[in-house]
PDB file of N, CA and C in Angstrom:
ATOM      1  N   MET A   1       0.838  -1.171   0.000  1.00  0.00           N
ATOM      2  CA  MET A   1       0.000   0.000   0.000  1.00  0.00           C
ATOM      3  C   MET A   1       0.894   1.249   0.000  1.00  0.00           C
ATOM      4  N   PRO A   2       0.683   2.173  -0.955  1.00  0.00           N
ATOM      5  CA  PRO A   2       1.556   3.349  -1.023  1.00  0.00           C
ATOM      6  C   PRO A   2       1.278   4.313   0.121  1.00  0.00           C
ATOM      7  N   ARG A   3       2.354   4.892   0.603  1.00  0.00           N
ATOM      8  CA  ARG A   3       2.224   5.860   1.688  1.00  0.00           C
ATOM      9  C   ARG A   3       1.997   7.244   1.107  1.00  0.00           C
ATOM     10  N   GLN A   4       1.157   7.997   1.765  1.00  0.00           N
ATOM     11  CA  GLN A   4       0.933   9.371   1.337  1.00  0.00           C
ATOM     12  C   GLN A   4       1.994  10.272   1.940  1.00  0.00           C
ATOM     13  N   ASN A   5       2.303  11.312   1.245  1.00  0.00           N
ATOM     14  CA  ASN A   5       3.247  12.293   1.734  1.00  0.00           C
ATOM     15  C   ASN A   5       2.608  13.026   2.912  1.00  0.00           C
ATOM     16  N   PRO A   6       3.175  12.913   4.127  1.00  0.00           N
ATOM     17  CA  PRO A   6       2.550  13.528   5.296  1.00  0.00           C
ATOM     18  C   PRO A   6       2.426  15.048   5.181  1.00  0.00           C
ATOM     19  N   SER A   7       3.399  15.697   4.544  1.00  0.00           N
ATOM     20  CA  SER A   7       3.311  17.159   4.434  1.00  0.00           C
ATOM     21  C   SER A   7       2.176  17.558   3.497  1.00  0.00           C
ATOM     22  N   ARG A   8       1.942  16.765   2.461  1.00  0.00           N
ATOM     23  CA  ARG A   8       0.837  17.056   1.531  1.00  0.00           C
ATOM     24  C   ARG A   8      -0.508  16.855   2.232  1.00  0.00           C
ATOM     25  N   THR A   9      -0.648  15.772   2.966  1.00  0.00           N
ATOM     26  CA  THR A   9      -1.895  15.484   3.664  1.00  0.00           C
ATOM     27  C   THR A   9      -2.205  16.561   4.694  1.00  0.00           C
ATOM     28  N   SER A  10      -1.195  16.955   5.474  1.00  0.00           N
ATOM     29  CA  SER A  10      -1.440  17.976   6.501  1.00  0.00           C
ATOM     30  C   SER A  10      -1.746  19.325   5.864  1.00  0.00           C
ATOM     31  N   SER A  11      -1.094  19.646   4.730  1.00  0.00           N
ATOM     32  CA  SER A  11      -1.381  20.933   4.094  1.00  0.00           C
ATOM     33  C   SER A  11      -2.792  20.945   3.515  1.00  0.00           C
ATOM     34  N   LEU A  12      -3.261  19.788   3.034  1.00  0.00           N
ATOM     35  CA  LEU A  12      -4.632  19.720   2.545  1.00  0.00           C
ATOM     36  C   LEU A  12      -5.610  19.938   3.687  1.00  0.00           C
ATOM     37  N   ARG A  13      -5.343  19.326   4.811  1.00  0.00           N
ATOM     38  CA  ARG A  13      -6.218  19.503   5.978  1.00  0.00           C
ATOM     39  C   ARG A  13      -6.217  20.953   6.444  1.00  0.00           C
ATOM     40  N   GLN A  14      -5.050  21.569   6.485  1.00  0.00           N
ATOM     41  CA  GLN A  14      -4.963  22.959   6.900  1.00  0.00           C
ATOM     42  C   GLN A  14      -5.687  23.868   5.909  1.00  0.00           C
ATOM     43  N   GLY A  15      -5.583  23.558   4.632  1.00  0.00           N
ATOM     44  CA  GLY A  15      -6.256  24.350   3.608  1.00  0.00           C
ATOM     45  C   GLY A  15      -7.759  24.319   3.789  1.00  0.00           C
ATOM     46  N   VAL A  16      -8.268  23.164   4.136  1.00  0.00           N
ATOM     47  CA  VAL A  16      -9.705  23.045   4.373  1.00  0.00           C
ATOM     48  C   VAL A  16     -10.087  23.852   5.593  1.00  0.00           C
ATOM     49  N   ARG A  17      -9.273  23.807   6.625  1.00  0.00           N
ATOM     50  CA  ARG A  17      -9.566  24.565   7.832  1.00  0.00           C
ATOM     51  C   ARG A  17      -9.457  26.072   7.602  1.00  0.00           C
ATOM     52  N   ARG A  18      -8.504  26.488   6.764  1.00  0.00           N
ATOM     53  CA  ARG A  18      -8.293  27.911   6.544  1.00  0.00           C
ATOM     54  C   ARG A  18      -9.383  28.524   5.668  1.00  0.00           C
ATOM     55  N   THR A  19      -9.932  27.766   4.757  1.00  0.00           N
ATOM     56  CA  THR A  19     -10.897  28.332   3.811  1.00  0.00           C
ATOM     57  C   THR A  19     -12.193  27.530   3.806  1.00  0.00           C
ATOM     58  N   PRO A  20     -12.973  27.614   4.889  1.00  0.00           N
ATOM     59  CA  PRO A  20     -14.260  26.922   4.862  1.00  0.00           C
ATOM     60  C   PRO A  20     -15.165  27.531   3.796  1.00  0.00           C
ATOM     61  N   PHE A  21     -16.109  26.774   3.333  1.00  0.00           N
ATOM     62  CA  PHE A  21     -16.960  27.167   2.211  1.00  0.00           C
ATOM     63  C   PHE A  21     -17.679  28.491   2.458  1.00  0.00           C
ATOM     64  N   PHE A  22     -18.198  28.701   3.646  1.00  0.00           N
ATOM     65  CA  PHE A  22     -18.985  29.900   3.929  1.00  0.00           C
ATOM     66  C   PHE A  22     -18.187  30.971   4.675  1.00  0.00           C
ATOM     67  N   SER A  23     -16.882  30.920   4.625  1.00  0.00           N
ATOM     68  CA  SER A  23     -16.084  31.834   5.440  1.00  0.00           C
ATOM     69  C   SER A  23     -16.231  33.293   5.041  1.00  0.00           C
ATOM     70  N   GLY A  24     -16.502  33.596   3.780  1.00  0.00           N
ATOM     71  CA  GLY A  24     -16.590  34.979   3.339  1.00  0.00           C
ATOM     72  C   GLY A  24     -17.948  35.611   3.556  1.00  0.00           C
ATOM     73  N   LEU A  25     -18.907  34.868   4.066  1.00  0.00           N
ATOM     74  CA  LEU A  25     -20.256  35.395   4.238  1.00  0.00           C
ATOM     75  C   LEU A  25     -20.422  36.036   5.608  1.00  0.00           C
ATOM     76  N   THR A  26     -21.212  37.085   5.652  1.00  0.00           N
ATOM     77  CA  THR A  26     -21.522  37.700   6.937  1.00  0.00           C
ATOM     78  C   THR A  26     -22.560  36.848   7.648  1.00  0.00           C
ATOM     79  N   ALA A  27     -22.830  37.162   8.894  1.00  0.00           N
ATOM     80  CA  ALA A  27     -23.778  36.355   9.674  1.00  0.00           C
ATOM     81  C   ALA A  27     -25.160  36.350   9.040  1.00  0.00           C
ATOM     82  N   SER A  28     -25.579  37.470   8.451  1.00  0.00           N
ATOM     83  CA  SER A  28     -26.914  37.519   7.851  1.00  0.00           C
ATOM     84  C   SER A  28     -26.984  36.737   6.541  1.00  0.00           C
ATOM     85  N   GLN A  29     -25.828  36.421   5.951  1.00  0.00           N
ATOM     86  CA  GLN A  29     -25.811  35.672   4.697  1.00  0.00           C
ATOM     87  C   GLN A  29     -25.592  34.177   4.906  1.00  0.00           C
ATOM     88  N   GLN A  30     -25.301  33.767   6.124  1.00  0.00           N
ATOM     89  CA  GLN A  30     -25.053  32.356   6.399  1.00  0.00           C
ATOM     90  C   GLN A  30     -26.325  31.552   6.149  1.00  0.00           C
ATOM     91  N   PRO A  31     -26.196  30.322   5.660  1.00  0.00           N
ATOM     92  CA  PRO A  31     -27.389  29.499   5.445  1.00  0.00           C
ATOM     93  C   PRO A  31     -28.072  29.193   6.776  1.00  0.00           C
ATOM     94  N   LEU A  32     -29.381  29.130   6.752  1.00  0.00           N
ATOM     95  CA  LEU A  32     -30.139  28.859   7.966  1.00  0.00           C
ATOM     96  C   LEU A  32     -30.199  27.365   8.233  1.00  0.00           C
ATOM     97  N   THR A  33     -30.113  26.993   9.490  1.00  0.00           N
ATOM     98  CA  THR A  33     -30.286  25.603   9.889  1.00  0.00           C
ATOM     99  C   THR A  33     -31.606  25.500  10.644  1.00  0.00           C
ATOM    100  N   ILE A  34     -32.059  24.298  10.872  1.00  0.00           N
ATOM    101  CA  ILE A  34     -33.369  24.078  11.495  1.00  0.00           C
ATOM    102  C   ILE A  34     -33.429  24.662  12.903  1.00  0.00           C
ATOM    103  N   GLY A  35     -32.316  24.775  13.593  1.00  0.00           N
ATOM    104  CA  GLY A  35     -32.324  25.312  14.948  1.00  0.00           C
ATOM    105  C   GLY A  35     -32.087  26.808  15.017  1.00  0.00           C
ATOM    106  N   ASP A  36     -31.937  27.454  13.877  1.00  0.00           N
ATOM    107  CA  ASP A  36     -31.627  28.881  13.843  1.00  0.00           C
ATOM    108  C   ASP A  36     -32.841  29.707  14.276  1.00  0.00           C
ATOM    109  N   PRO A  37     -32.697  30.584  15.261  1.00  0.00           N
ATOM    110  CA  PRO A  37     -33.827  31.396  15.713  1.00  0.00           C
ATOM    111  C   PRO A  37     -34.399  32.299  14.615  1.00  0.00           C
ATOM    112  N   ARG A  38     -33.535  32.715  13.656  1.00  0.00           N
ATOM    113  CA  ARG A  38     -34.029  33.551  12.558  1.00  0.00           C
ATOM    114  C   ARG A  38     -35.048  32.794  11.718  1.00  0.00           C
ATOM    115  N   LEU A  39     -34.827  31.503  11.545  1.00  0.00           N
ATOM    116  CA  LEU A  39     -35.760  30.689  10.765  1.00  0.00           C
ATOM    117  C   LEU A  39     -37.102  30.590  11.482  1.00  0.00           C
ATOM    118  N   TRP A  40     -37.063  30.314  12.772  1.00  0.00           N
ATOM    119  CA  TRP A  40     -38.306  30.196  13.534  1.00  0.00           C
ATOM    120  C   TRP A  40     -39.028  31.534  13.619  1.00  0.00           C
ATOM    121  N   ALA A  41     -38.287  32.628  13.713  1.00  0.00           N
ATOM    122  CA  ALA A  41     -38.907  33.959  13.730  1.00  0.00           C
ATOM    123  C   ALA A  41     -39.632  34.230  12.415  1.00  0.00           C
ATOM    124  N   ALA A  42     -39.041  33.791  11.308  1.00  0.00           N
ATOM    125  CA  ALA A  42     -39.686  33.983  10.003  1.00  0.00           C
ATOM    126  C   ALA A  42     -40.997  33.195   9.939  1.00  0.00           C
ATOM    127  N   PHE A  43     -40.998  31.966  10.430  1.00  0.00           N
ATOM    128  CA  PHE A  43     -42.228  31.172  10.432  1.00  0.00           C
ATOM    129  C   PHE A  43     -43.270  31.766  11.375  1.00  0.00           C
ATOM    130  N   ASP A  44     -42.825  32.307  12.507  1.00  0.00           N
ATOM    131  CA  ASP A  44     -43.762  32.953  13.438  1.00  0.00           C
ATOM    132  C   ASP A  44     -44.426  34.168  12.796  1.00  0.00           C
ATOM    133  N   GLN A  45     -43.654  34.910  12.006  1.00  0.00           N
ATOM    134  CA  GLN A  45     -44.201  36.109  11.363  1.00  0.00           C
ATOM    135  C   GLN A  45     -45.286  35.770  10.347  1.00  0.00           C
ATOM    136  N   ILE A  46     -45.130  34.669   9.638  1.00  0.00           N
ATOM    137  CA  ILE A  46     -46.140  34.309   8.638  1.00  0.00           C
ATOM    138  C   ILE A  46     -47.238  33.420   9.211  1.00  0.00           C
ATOM    139  N   GLY A  47     -47.067  32.963  10.443  1.00  0.00           N
ATOM    140  CA  GLY A  47     -48.110  32.181  11.104  1.00  0.00           C
ATOM    141  C   GLY A  47     -48.229  30.755  10.612  1.00  0.00           C
ATOM    142  N   LEU A  48     -47.158  30.197  10.109  1.00  0.00           N
ATOM    143  CA  LEU A  48     -47.171  28.812   9.625  1.00  0.00           C
ATOM    144  C   LEU A  48     -46.086  28.004  10.320  1.00  0.00           C
ATOM    145  N   LEU A  49     -46.277  26.702  10.297  1.00  0.00           N
ATOM    146  CA  LEU A  49     -45.255  25.786  10.777  1.00  0.00           C
ATOM    147  C   LEU A  49     -44.468  25.260   9.577  1.00  0.00           C
ATOM    148  N   PRO A  50     -43.213  24.880   9.779  1.00  0.00           N
ATOM    149  CA  PRO A  50     -42.430  24.346   8.661  1.00  0.00           C
ATOM    150  C   PRO A  50     -43.104  23.167   7.963  1.00  0.00           C
ATOM    151  N   ARG A  51     -43.766  22.296   8.707  1.00  0.00           N
ATOM    152  CA  ARG A  51     -44.408  21.141   8.073  1.00  0.00           C
ATOM    153  C   ARG A  51     -45.572  21.573   7.178  1.00  0.00           C
ATOM    154  N   GLN A  52     -46.229  22.698   7.524  1.00  0.00           N
ATOM    155  CA  GLN A  52     -47.302  23.200   6.670  1.00  0.00           C
ATOM    156  C   GLN A  52     -46.733  23.727   5.347  1.00  0.00           C
ATOM    157  N   VAL A  53     -45.602  24.397   5.423  1.00  0.00           N
ATOM    158  CA  VAL A  53     -44.959  24.898   4.213  1.00  0.00           C
ATOM    159  C   VAL A  53     -44.489  23.728   3.359  1.00  0.00           C
ATOM    160  N   TRP A  54     -43.937  22.706   3.997  1.00  0.00           N
ATOM    161  CA  TRP A  54     -43.482  21.502   3.298  1.00  0.00           C
ATOM    162  C   TRP A  54     -44.658  20.818   2.592  1.00  0.00           C
ATOM    163  N   ALA A  55     -45.759  20.641   3.284  1.00  0.00           N
ATOM    164  CA  ALA A  55     -46.935  20.002   2.696  1.00  0.00           C
ATOM    165  C   ALA A  55     -47.476  20.830   1.540  1.00  0.00           C
ATOM    166  N   ASP A  56     -47.473  22.150   1.679  1.00  0.00           N
ATOM    167  CA  ASP A  56     -47.942  23.020   0.606  1.00  0.00           C
ATOM    168  C   ASP A  56     -47.036  22.913  -0.612  1.00  0.00           C
ATOM    169  N   ARG A  57     -45.746  22.793  -0.376  1.00  0.00           N
ATOM    170  CA  ARG A  57     -44.782  22.649  -1.481  1.00  0.00           C
ATOM    171  C   ARG A  57     -45.026  21.349  -2.242  1.00  0.00           C
ATOM    172  N   ILE A  58     -45.281  20.267  -1.519  1.00  0.00           N
ATOM    173  CA  ILE A  58     -45.558  18.983  -2.163  1.00  0.00           C
ATOM    174  C   ILE A  58     -46.858  19.050  -2.941  1.00  0.00           C
ATOM    175  N   LEU A  59     -47.884  19.646  -2.348  1.00  0.00           N
ATOM    176  CA  LEU A  59     -49.174  19.769  -3.017  1.00  0.00           C
ATOM    177  C   LEU A  59     -49.062  20.630  -4.276  1.00  0.00           C
ATOM    178  N   ASP A  60     -48.295  21.687  -4.206  1.00  0.00           N
ATOM    179  CA  ASP A  60     -48.098  22.540  -5.380  1.00  0.00           C
ATOM    180  C   ASP A  60     -47.424  21.765  -6.508  1.00  0.00           C
ATOM    181  N   GLU A  61     -46.427  20.978  -6.155  1.00  0.00           N
ATOM    182  CA  GLU A  61     -45.748  20.147  -7.167  1.00  0.00           C
ATOM    183  C   GLU A  61     -46.702  19.097  -7.707  1.00  0.00           C
ATOM    184  N   ALA A  62     -47.545  18.535  -6.854  1.00  0.00           N
ATOM    185  CA  ALA A  62     -48.514  17.523  -7.293  1.00  0.00           C
ATOM    186  C   ALA A  62     -49.526  18.130  -8.259  1.00  0.00           C
ATOM    187  N   ARG A  63     -49.886  19.399  -8.059  1.00  0.00           N
ATOM    188  CA  ARG A  63     -50.789  20.072  -9.009  1.00  0.00           C
ATOM    189  C   ARG A  63     -50.147  20.206 -10.380  1.00  0.00           C
ATOM    190  N   GLU A  64     -48.841  20.404 -10.395  1.00  0.00           N
ATOM    191  CA  GLU A  64     -48.124  20.565 -11.665  1.00  0.00           C
ATOM    192  C   GLU A  64     -47.970  19.243 -12.409  1.00  0.00           C
ATOM    193  N   THR A  65     -47.719  18.155 -11.691  1.00  0.00           N
ATOM    194  CA  THR A  65     -47.388  16.903 -12.362  1.00  0.00           C
ATOM    195  C   THR A  65     -48.444  15.813 -12.209  1.00  0.00           C
ATOM    196  N   THR A  66     -49.082  15.724 -11.060  1.00  0.00           N
ATOM    197  CA  THR A  66     -50.003  14.640 -10.669  1.00  0.00           C
ATOM    198  C   THR A  66     -49.381  13.259 -10.862  1.00  0.00           C
ATOM    199  N   ASP A  67     -48.050  13.179 -10.814  1.00  0.00           N
ATOM    200  CA  ASP A  67     -47.344  11.910 -10.950  1.00  0.00           C
ATOM    201  C   ASP A  67     -46.745  11.519  -9.598  1.00  0.00           C
ATOM    202  N   PRO A  68     -47.301  10.493  -8.941  1.00  0.00           N
ATOM    203  CA  PRO A  68     -46.786  10.095  -7.622  1.00  0.00           C
ATOM    204  C   PRO A  68     -45.318   9.675  -7.643  1.00  0.00           C
ATOM    205  N   VAL A  69     -44.871   9.060  -8.722  1.00  0.00           N
ATOM    206  CA  VAL A  69     -43.469   8.627  -8.803  1.00  0.00           C
ATOM    207  C   VAL A  69     -42.543   9.846  -8.771  1.00  0.00           C
ATOM    208  N   HIS A  70     -42.932  10.897  -9.457  1.00  0.00           N
ATOM    209  CA  HIS A  70     -42.144  12.132  -9.450  1.00  0.00           C
ATOM    210  C   HIS A  70     -42.061  12.699  -8.032  1.00  0.00           C
ATOM    211  N   LEU A  71     -43.168  12.666  -7.308  1.00  0.00           N
ATOM    212  CA  LEU A  71     -43.183  13.181  -5.936  1.00  0.00           C
ATOM    213  C   LEU A  71     -42.287  12.360  -5.020  1.00  0.00           C
ATOM    214  N   VAL A  72     -42.315  11.046  -5.192  1.00  0.00           N
ATOM    215  CA  VAL A  72     -41.464  10.161  -4.385  1.00  0.00           C
ATOM    216  C   VAL A  72     -39.998  10.492  -4.634  1.00  0.00           C
ATOM    217  N   ARG A  73     -39.630  10.649  -5.896  1.00  0.00           N
ATOM    218  CA  ARG A  73     -38.230  10.927  -6.240  1.00  0.00           C
ATOM    219  C   ARG A  73     -37.795  12.313  -5.786  1.00  0.00           C
ATOM    220  N   LEU A  74     -38.666  13.296  -5.941  1.00  0.00           N
ATOM    221  CA  LEU A  74     -38.300  14.669  -5.621  1.00  0.00           C
ATOM    222  C   LEU A  74     -38.232  14.931  -4.120  1.00  0.00           C
ATOM    223  N   PHE A  75     -39.216  14.414  -3.381  1.00  0.00           N
ATOM    224  CA  PHE A  75     -39.306  14.727  -1.956  1.00  0.00           C
ATOM    225  C   PHE A  75     -38.914  13.583  -1.038  1.00  0.00           C
ATOM    226  N   GLY A  76     -38.734  12.375  -1.579  1.00  0.00           N
ATOM    227  CA  GLY A  76     -38.363  11.240  -0.742  1.00  0.00           C
ATOM    228  C   GLY A  76     -39.476  10.791   0.180  1.00  0.00           C
ATOM    229  N   ILE A  77     -40.707  10.981  -0.245  1.00  0.00           N
ATOM    230  CA  ILE A  77     -41.849  10.581   0.583  1.00  0.00           C
ATOM    231  C   ILE A  77     -42.283   9.166   0.217  1.00  0.00           C
ATOM    232  N   ASP A  78     -43.088   8.570   1.062  1.00  0.00           N
ATOM    233  CA  ASP A  78     -43.611   7.229   0.853  1.00  0.00           C
ATOM    234  C   ASP A  78     -44.551   7.203  -0.353  1.00  0.00           C
ATOM    235  N   GLU A  79     -44.644   6.054  -1.011  1.00  0.00           N
ATOM    236  CA  GLU A  79     -45.499   5.925  -2.198  1.00  0.00           C
ATOM    237  C   GLU A  79     -46.963   6.234  -1.890  1.00  0.00           C
ATOM    238  N   LYS A  80     -47.450   5.719  -0.756  1.00  0.00           N
ATOM    239  CA  LYS A  80     -48.853   5.956  -0.394  1.00  0.00           C
ATOM    240  C   LYS A  80     -49.111   7.446  -0.151  1.00  0.00           C
ATOM    241  N   THR A  81     -48.167   8.099   0.476  1.00  0.00           N
ATOM    242  CA  THR A  81     -48.296   9.538   0.718  1.00  0.00           C
ATOM    243  C   THR A  81     -48.310  10.292  -0.602  1.00  0.00           C
ATOM    244  N   ALA A  82     -47.449   9.904  -1.525  1.00  0.00           N
ATOM    245  CA  ALA A  82     -47.394  10.554  -2.833  1.00  0.00           C
ATOM    246  C   ALA A  82     -48.702  10.365  -3.598  1.00  0.00           C
ATOM    247  N   ILE A  83     -49.294   9.196  -3.494  1.00  0.00           N
ATOM    248  CA  ILE A  83     -50.577   8.938  -4.161  1.00  0.00           C
ATOM    249  C   ILE A  83     -51.662   9.826  -3.569  1.00  0.00           C
ATOM    250  N   ARG A  84     -51.665   9.981  -2.248  1.00  0.00           N
ATOM    251  CA  ARG A  84     -52.661  10.857  -1.610  1.00  0.00           C
ATOM    252  C   ARG A  84     -52.510  12.302  -2.069  1.00  0.00           C
ATOM    253  N   TYR A  85     -51.274  12.770  -2.156  1.00  0.00           N
ATOM    254  CA  TYR A  85     -51.048  14.130  -2.642  1.00  0.00           C
ATOM    255  C   TYR A  85     -51.514  14.279  -4.090  1.00  0.00           C
ATOM    256  N   ALA A  86     -51.211  13.301  -4.925  1.00  0.00           N
ATOM    257  CA  ALA A  86     -51.617  13.369  -6.332  1.00  0.00           C
ATOM    258  C   ALA A  86     -53.135  13.364  -6.458  1.00  0.00           C
ATOM    259  N   GLN A  87     -53.802  12.528  -5.668  1.00  0.00           N
ATOM    260  CA  GLN A  87     -55.272  12.500  -5.700  1.00  0.00           C
ATOM    261  C   GLN A  87     -55.856  13.818  -5.200  1.00  0.00           C
ATOM    262  N   SER A  88     -55.283  14.382  -4.162  1.00  0.00           N
ATOM    263  CA  SER A  88     -55.754  15.664  -3.648  1.00  0.00           C
ATOM    264  C   SER A  88     -55.558  16.767  -4.680  1.00  0.00           C
ATOM    265  N   ALA A  89     -54.456  16.715  -5.384  1.00  0.00           N
ATOM    266  CA  ALA A  89     -54.180  17.743  -6.391  1.00  0.00           C
ATOM    267  C   ALA A  89     -55.162  17.665  -7.547  1.00  0.00           C
ATOM    268  N   ARG A  90     -55.629  16.469  -7.873  1.00  0.00           N
ATOM    269  CA  ARG A  90     -56.609  16.327  -8.959  1.00  0.00           C
ATOM    270  C   ARG A  90     -57.967  16.878  -8.556  1.00  0.00           C
ATOM    271  N   VAL A  91     -58.336  16.734  -7.284  1.00  0.00           N
ATOM    272  CA  VAL A  91     -59.630  17.173  -6.783  1.00  0.00           C
ATOM    273  C   VAL A  91     -59.620  18.664  -6.463  1.00  0.00           C
ATOM    274  N   LEU A  92     -58.501  19.174  -5.993  1.00  0.00           N
ATOM    275  CA  LEU A  92     -58.413  20.539  -5.492  1.00  0.00           C
ATOM    276  C   LEU A  92     -58.840  21.618  -6.491  1.00  0.00           C
ATOM    277  N   PRO A  93     -58.434  21.578  -7.760  1.00  0.00           N
ATOM    278  CA  PRO A  93     -58.857  22.646  -8.666  1.00  0.00           C
ATOM    279  C   PRO A  93     -60.372  22.748  -8.801  1.00  0.00           C
ATOM    280  N   ASP A  94     -61.099  21.626  -8.764  1.00  0.00           N
ATOM    281  CA  ASP A  94     -62.560  21.645  -8.847  1.00  0.00           C
ATOM    282  C   ASP A  94     -63.150  22.329  -7.621  1.00  0.00           C
ATOM    283  N   GLU A  95     -62.613  22.029  -6.438  1.00  0.00           N
ATOM    284  CA  GLU A  95     -63.125  22.620  -5.210  1.00  0.00           C
ATOM    285  C   GLU A  95     -62.861  24.135  -5.173  1.00  0.00           C
ATOM    286  N   VAL A  96     -61.698  24.542  -5.633  1.00  0.00           N
ATOM    287  CA  VAL A  96     -61.357  25.961  -5.639  1.00  0.00           C
ATOM    288  C   VAL A  96     -62.279  26.707  -6.602  1.00  0.00           C
ATOM    289  N   ALA A  97     -62.604  26.097  -7.730  1.00  0.00           N
ATOM    290  CA  ALA A  97     -63.464  26.740  -8.723  1.00  0.00           C
ATOM    291  C   ALA A  97     -64.882  26.907  -8.191  1.00  0.00           C
ATOM    292  N   GLU A  98     -65.317  26.017  -7.295  1.00  0.00           N
ATOM    293  CA  GLU A  98     -66.676  26.084  -6.748  1.00  0.00           C
ATOM    294  C   GLU A  98     -66.830  27.148  -5.674  1.00  0.00           C
ATOM    295  N   GLN A  99     -65.731  27.596  -5.064  1.00  0.00           N
ATOM    296  CA  GLN A  99     -65.826  28.581  -3.994  1.00  0.00           C
ATOM    297  C   GLN A  99     -66.177  29.951  -4.574  1.00  0.00           C
ATOM    298  N   PRO A 100     -67.108  30.666  -3.941  1.00  0.00           N
ATOM    299  CA  PRO A 100     -67.457  31.995  -4.439  1.00  0.00           C
ATOM    300  C   PRO A 100     -66.319  32.976  -4.206  1.00  0.00           C
ATOM    301  N   SER A 101     -66.107  33.853  -5.156  1.00  0.00           N
ATOM    302  CA  SER A 101     -65.041  34.854  -4.993  1.00  0.00           C
ATOM    303  C   SER A 101     -65.563  35.979  -4.114  1.00  0.00           C
ATOM    304  N   GLN A 102     -64.649  36.601  -3.387  1.00  0.00           N
ATOM    305  CA  GLN A 102     -65.057  37.658  -2.455  1.00  0.00           C
ATOM    306  C   GLN A 102     -64.715  39.013  -3.008  1.00  0.00           C
TER     307      GLN A 102
END
């Protein structure tokens, strides 16, 4: 088994430590994580929970495609769940059309 050059390996490790991917971004530009208070504050302002936004995103995609296999591949959801979303998306436009406009 060939040995790696120790100075090359350590310099690669140091290079990774010196230049992390997000090092040039300010705090307001850093990507949000699930535990970030800024993320939860944004959801509080709009009055929704993350799972509601997630479900709405899946339903919106289901309206566009109505293909459960596409939903499974895109969102990693269970087949039965994808079928329910696709069926709901097929019914939803009819229900929306029946509602009186205000």
